[in-house]
Protein backbone atom coordinates (compact mmCIF):
# COMPACT_ATOMS: atom_id res chain seq x y z
CA MET A 1 -38.47 -11.54 19.24
CA GLY A 2 -40.70 -14.59 18.83
CA GLU A 3 -39.57 -18.09 19.40
CA LYS A 4 -40.18 -18.97 15.76
CA MET A 5 -37.80 -16.03 14.63
CA LYS A 6 -35.22 -17.16 17.20
CA THR A 7 -35.25 -20.71 15.94
CA THR A 8 -35.00 -19.44 12.38
CA LEU A 9 -32.03 -17.29 13.14
CA ASN A 10 -30.32 -20.02 15.04
CA CYS A 11 -30.86 -22.40 12.00
CA VAL A 12 -29.34 -19.76 9.64
CA SER A 13 -26.35 -19.16 11.94
CA ALA A 14 -25.75 -22.87 12.09
CA LEU A 15 -25.91 -23.27 8.37
CA LEU A 16 -23.52 -20.32 7.95
CA LEU A 17 -21.02 -21.87 10.41
CA LEU A 18 -21.27 -25.18 8.57
CA ALA A 19 -20.78 -23.45 5.23
CA VAL A 20 -17.58 -21.76 6.50
CA ALA A 21 -16.25 -24.93 8.06
CA ILE A 22 -16.85 -26.86 4.69
CA LEU A 23 -15.23 -23.92 2.87
CA ALA A 24 -12.18 -24.06 5.18
CA VAL A 25 -11.60 -27.73 4.82
CA GLY A 26 -11.78 -27.48 1.06
CA THR A 27 -9.47 -24.33 1.04
CA TYR A 28 -6.92 -26.00 3.30
CA GLN A 29 -5.87 -28.34 0.52
CA LEU A 30 -4.91 -25.50 -1.79
CA SER A 31 -1.33 -24.39 -2.55
CA PRO A 32 0.09 -21.20 -1.12
CA TRP A 33 -0.11 -19.63 -4.53
CA ARG A 34 -3.85 -20.44 -4.92
CA LEU A 35 -4.46 -19.37 -1.38
CA THR A 36 -2.82 -16.02 -1.91
CA VAL A 37 -5.00 -15.30 -4.93
CA TYR A 38 -8.16 -16.18 -3.02
CA ALA A 39 -6.98 -14.13 0.05
CA CYS A 40 -6.47 -11.10 -2.12
CA ALA A 41 -8.88 -11.33 -5.02
CA SER A 42 -11.92 -13.50 -4.21
CA ASP A 43 -15.15 -11.71 -4.69
CA ARG A 44 -16.48 -13.38 -1.58
CA PRO A 45 -15.27 -11.72 1.70
CA VAL A 46 -15.74 -14.88 3.60
CA LEU A 47 -13.44 -16.80 1.26
CA ARG A 48 -10.92 -14.02 1.48
CA ALA A 49 -10.90 -14.19 5.22
CA VAL A 50 -10.73 -18.03 5.37
CA ALA A 51 -7.93 -18.29 2.67
CA PHE A 52 -5.86 -15.73 4.51
CA ALA A 53 -6.26 -17.45 7.82
CA ILE A 54 -5.22 -20.79 6.35
CA LEU A 55 -2.40 -19.18 4.37
CA ARG A 56 -0.90 -17.99 7.67
CA THR A 57 -0.69 -21.66 8.86
CA LYS A 58 1.37 -22.78 6.04
CA SER A 59 5.18 -22.96 5.72
CA PHE A 60 6.43 -21.76 2.46
CA ASP A 61 8.81 -19.32 0.71
CA PRO A 62 6.96 -16.11 -0.39
CA ASN A 63 9.48 -15.77 -3.23
CA GLN A 64 9.15 -19.21 -4.61
CA LEU A 65 7.89 -19.21 -8.30
CA ASP A 66 5.12 -21.69 -8.96
CA GLY A 67 6.45 -22.76 -12.37
CA VAL A 68 8.96 -21.74 -15.05
CA GLY A 69 8.70 -19.26 -18.02
CA ALA A 70 6.75 -16.05 -18.47
CA SER A 71 3.79 -17.12 -16.47
CA ALA A 72 5.65 -18.12 -13.35
CA ALA A 73 4.80 -16.00 -10.23
CA SER A 74 5.58 -16.09 -6.52
CA PRO A 75 2.91 -15.63 -3.80
CA LEU A 76 4.49 -12.17 -3.05
CA GLY A 77 4.29 -11.27 -6.84
CA LEU A 78 0.61 -12.49 -7.11
CA SER A 79 -0.38 -10.38 -4.02
CA LEU A 80 1.30 -7.30 -5.37
CA ALA A 81 -0.25 -7.71 -8.81
CA VAL A 82 -3.63 -7.85 -7.17
CA LEU A 83 -2.86 -4.79 -5.13
CA MET A 84 -1.85 -2.73 -8.05
CA ASN A 85 -4.92 -3.71 -10.04
CA ALA A 86 -7.53 -3.74 -7.18
CA PRO A 87 -10.80 -1.95 -8.26
CA THR A 88 -11.80 -0.65 -4.87
CA GLU A 89 -10.11 0.74 -1.67
CA HIS A 90 -11.50 -2.24 0.28
CA ASP A 91 -9.88 -4.63 -2.22
CA ARG A 92 -6.62 -2.84 -1.92
CA ASP A 93 -6.76 -2.88 1.84
CA ASP A 94 -7.25 -6.70 1.83
CA ALA A 95 -4.51 -7.25 -0.67
CA LYS A 96 -2.10 -4.98 1.26
CA LYS A 97 -2.66 -7.06 4.50
CA VAL A 98 -1.51 -10.14 2.51
CA VAL A 99 1.50 -8.33 0.99
CA ASP A 100 2.51 -7.08 4.48
CA TRP A 101 2.29 -10.50 5.91
CA LEU A 102 4.29 -12.05 3.09
CA LEU A 103 6.97 -9.36 3.55
CA SER A 104 7.07 -10.21 7.25
CA ARG A 105 7.74 -13.86 6.26
CA GLY A 106 10.80 -12.97 4.14
CA GLY A 107 9.24 -11.62 0.91
CA ASP A 108 11.84 -9.90 -1.19
CA LEU A 109 10.72 -6.63 -2.87
CA ASN A 110 13.90 -6.34 -4.88
CA ARG A 111 13.97 -9.80 -6.57
CA PRO A 112 13.42 -9.55 -10.31
CA ALA A 113 10.51 -11.66 -11.56
CA PRO A 114 9.44 -13.04 -15.02
CA PRO A 115 8.66 -12.28 -17.73
CA GLU A 116 10.64 -9.01 -17.99
CA GLY A 117 12.85 -9.36 -14.92
CA TRP A 118 11.22 -6.39 -13.27
CA THR A 119 11.15 -5.69 -9.48
CA PRO A 120 7.80 -4.66 -7.99
CA LEU A 121 8.97 -1.01 -8.12
CA HIS A 122 9.37 -1.31 -11.92
CA ASP A 123 5.88 -2.70 -12.01
CA ALA A 124 4.54 0.26 -10.01
CA VAL A 125 6.47 2.79 -12.25
CA SER A 126 4.76 1.14 -15.30
CA LEU A 127 1.36 2.40 -14.03
CA GLY A 128 2.50 5.90 -15.13
CA PRO A 129 0.00 8.58 -13.80
CA TRP A 130 -1.46 5.99 -11.41
CA SER A 131 1.84 4.90 -9.82
CA GLU A 132 2.34 7.24 -6.91
CA PRO A 133 0.55 5.43 -4.00
CA TYR A 134 2.05 2.07 -5.04
CA MET A 135 5.52 3.51 -5.43
CA ARG A 136 5.30 5.20 -1.98
CA TYR A 137 4.04 2.06 -0.34
CA LEU A 138 6.83 -0.12 -1.81
CA LEU A 139 9.58 2.40 -0.98
CA SER A 140 8.32 2.60 2.66
CA LYS A 141 8.60 -1.19 2.78
CA GLY A 142 12.23 -1.26 1.55
CA ALA A 143 12.00 -1.42 -2.22
CA ASP A 144 15.42 -0.49 -3.75
CA PRO A 145 15.14 2.50 -6.18
CA ASN A 146 18.47 1.46 -7.75
CA ALA A 147 17.38 -2.15 -8.52
CA LYS A 148 17.95 -3.04 -12.12
CA ALA A 149 15.64 -5.06 -14.37
CA GLY A 150 17.13 -8.41 -14.98
CA SER A 151 16.11 -9.26 -18.48
CA GLY A 152 14.04 -8.36 -21.50
CA HIS A 153 13.86 -4.95 -23.31
CA PHE A 154 14.45 -2.93 -20.02
CA ALA A 155 17.35 -5.17 -18.72
CA GLY A 156 19.70 -3.06 -16.66
CA ARG A 157 17.38 -0.15 -16.23
CA THR A 158 16.54 1.18 -12.78
CA PRO A 159 12.91 2.29 -11.97
CA LEU A 160 14.12 5.95 -12.36
CA ALA A 161 15.43 5.19 -15.92
CA PHE A 162 12.17 3.46 -16.66
CA ALA A 163 10.13 6.40 -15.38
CA TYR A 164 12.13 8.69 -17.72
CA GLU A 165 11.45 6.39 -20.61
CA ILE A 166 7.64 6.35 -19.86
CA GLN A 167 7.67 10.17 -19.64
CA ARG A 168 9.38 10.46 -23.01
CA ALA A 169 7.03 8.07 -24.61
CA ALA A 170 3.99 9.88 -23.21
CA PHE A 171 5.21 13.29 -24.50
CA LYS A 172 5.89 11.74 -27.95
CA ASN A 173 2.27 10.50 -28.10
CA LYS A 174 0.59 13.44 -26.44
CA SER A 175 -1.22 14.45 -29.60
CA ASN A 176 -3.11 11.10 -29.32
CA ASN A 177 -4.04 11.71 -25.64
CA PRO A 178 -6.40 14.52 -25.00
CA ASN A 179 -5.99 14.09 -21.21
CA TYR A 180 -2.11 14.24 -21.36
CA ASP A 181 -0.81 16.22 -18.39
CA PRO A 182 3.01 16.35 -17.96
CA LYS A 183 2.83 16.68 -14.14
CA TYR A 184 1.41 13.12 -13.79
CA PHE A 185 4.41 11.65 -15.58
CA ALA A 186 6.83 13.86 -13.72
CA ARG A 187 5.59 12.67 -10.26
CA PRO A 188 7.13 9.07 -10.41
CA ILE A 189 10.45 10.76 -11.40
CA GLN A 190 10.24 13.21 -8.54
CA ILE A 191 9.27 10.40 -5.97
CA LEU A 192 12.30 8.25 -7.10
CA LYS A 193 14.70 11.28 -7.00
CA GLU A 194 13.51 11.96 -3.45
CA ALA A 195 14.16 8.24 -2.57
CA HIS A 196 17.69 8.52 -3.84
CA ALA A 197 18.32 11.70 -1.96
CA HIS A 198 17.28 10.01 1.26
CA GLU A 199 19.57 7.01 0.89
């Protein structure tokens, strides 16, 4: 490799390190809620890594809501929302790292959250045919299959009751869904029944 090429590469490396340093300084000022979003959902891998590294230096409650009303969310709730809506496997893996860390810091998977008073397991069940991997993940982390929704239309319903309701609604509207397959709506019920049996 020629000297000119080496000099160019060194300059590029120095610029990248400077950019990361500037990014880190700016990111450090962000709240845990904003850091959580960047650590899970930024479209720039470098920003994800920097935000997660800084998030781990902060002292905060993973269950603390960032406001009041329907739009309020906790760092744990935000990371779970990203996990359940991540478009790629890599995105899901990054979000899962953040969720796992927040759980290790006292994140509560069984705390109802606004606006419907659902627990994360209720949220996973609401995904219907796509719910299985998220339900299994949450149950493996200690989600309570008997937890009840705290408010709203589904107040008092457990994830299992919610899964039955989704199954009934899907069956009722199957004529409008050419891809309807009953086994996909039966899986969440089966998983939750298995969880009950192992308690």
